[in-house]
Every structure is written in C-alpha cells, then in structure tokens.
Protein backbone atom coordinates (compact mmCIF):
# COMPACT_ATOMS: atom_id res chain seq x y z
CA MET A 1 -6.64 -27.53 0.74
CA ALA A 2 -7.34 -26.36 -2.87
CA SER A 3 -8.63 -23.28 -1.55
CA ARG A 4 -5.86 -22.88 0.52
CA GLN A 5 -3.60 -23.16 -2.22
CA LEU A 6 -5.72 -20.48 -4.65
CA ARG A 7 -5.25 -18.43 -2.14
CA THR A 8 -1.47 -18.09 -1.95
CA LEU A 9 -1.18 -17.85 -5.63
CA GLU A 10 -3.63 -15.14 -5.82
CA ARG A 11 -1.74 -13.41 -3.18
CA GLY A 12 1.04 -13.62 -4.92
CA ILE A 13 -0.18 -12.68 -8.44
CA LEU A 14 -1.50 -9.80 -6.02
CA CYS A 15 2.02 -8.38 -4.54
CA ILE A 16 3.56 -8.89 -7.96
CA VAL A 17 0.95 -6.75 -9.88
CA ILE A 18 1.49 -4.09 -6.62
CA GLY A 19 4.96 -4.09 -6.75
CA ALA A 20 5.15 -3.49 -10.58
CA ALA A 21 2.50 -0.86 -9.67
CA VAL A 22 4.83 1.42 -7.25
CA LEU A 23 7.86 0.55 -9.54
CA LEU A 24 5.97 1.52 -12.53
CA GLY A 25 4.10 4.28 -11.19
CA PRO A 26 6.66 7.17 -11.06
CA ARG A 27 7.07 6.91 -15.17
CA PHE A 28 3.28 7.99 -15.28
CA LEU A 29 2.84 10.38 -12.74
CA GLN A 30 5.84 13.13 -13.85
CA GLY A 31 5.11 16.41 -12.47
CA SER A 32 2.67 15.52 -9.77
CA ALA A 33 2.75 15.37 -6.00
CA TRP A 34 2.48 11.71 -6.22
CA PHE A 35 5.22 11.23 -7.90
CA GLU A 36 7.90 11.60 -4.96
CA MET A 37 5.74 9.68 -2.38
CA ILE A 38 5.68 6.46 -5.70
CA ALA A 39 9.20 7.35 -6.33
CA GLY A 40 10.28 7.05 -2.40
CA ALA A 41 8.40 3.96 -2.15
CA TYR A 42 10.87 1.42 -4.38
CA LEU A 43 11.79 -0.56 -1.86
CA VAL A 44 8.17 -1.68 -1.13
CA GLY A 45 7.70 -2.10 -5.00
CA TRP A 46 10.49 -4.29 -5.00
CA PHE A 47 9.43 -6.42 -1.40
CA ALA A 48 6.14 -6.71 -2.64
CA VAL A 49 7.19 -8.22 -6.08
CA VAL A 50 10.16 -10.58 -4.17
CA LEU A 51 7.48 -11.49 -1.50
CA GLY A 52 5.02 -11.86 -4.74
CA VAL A 53 7.15 -14.09 -6.26
CA ALA A 54 8.04 -16.38 -3.03
CA LEU A 55 4.18 -16.95 -2.64
CA VAL A 56 4.12 -18.10 -6.21
CA VAL A 57 7.09 -20.66 -6.03
CA VAL A 58 5.97 -21.90 -2.58
CA ASP A 59 2.15 -22.28 -4.38
CA LEU A 60 4.05 -24.54 -7.44
CA VAL A 61 6.29 -26.84 -4.67
CA GLN A 62 2.72 -27.19 -2.78
CA ARG A 63 1.06 -28.26 -5.86
CA ALA A 64 4.47 -30.15 -7.01
CA LYS A 65 4.42 -32.64 -4.00
CA ASN A 66 1.02 -32.88 -4.14
CA THR A 67 1.44 -34.60 -7.01
CA ARG A 68 3.88 -36.45 -6.26
CA ARG A 69 1.32 -38.35 -3.72
C-alpha cells in the first residue's frame, strides 16, 4: 500500500512540474517555432497542474486515513 501512495504522490508532483513547464515555457521560448506550439497548449498546462494538485491531495487524505487506524 505504501508504494501505491508513493506512486500517487510522485505522479502528482510530476504533473505539477509538467504543467508548470508548459505554462512557463513560452516566457523562455520567445521568437522560436516552439513558442506558438507551447503557448497554444496553456489549457493542457492548467489541466496538468490541477490534476497534479488533486493527486497530491488524494495522497495526503489517504495518508491521514491510514494514520487514524
């Protein structure tokens, strides 16, 4: 069970990092062909951040439930 929780936490953090990279990427890629592609994917970036936060919250809730037992 602990490895499953760890995977959920790792996935959540990874989603947050990927989402942040997509959202912040256009600031660093100005003037390149990648800029338009990354700038157009801002909804995907926000989705990844929200999904990552949700996974982290689920992991924290599961840990709280397991410590009560």
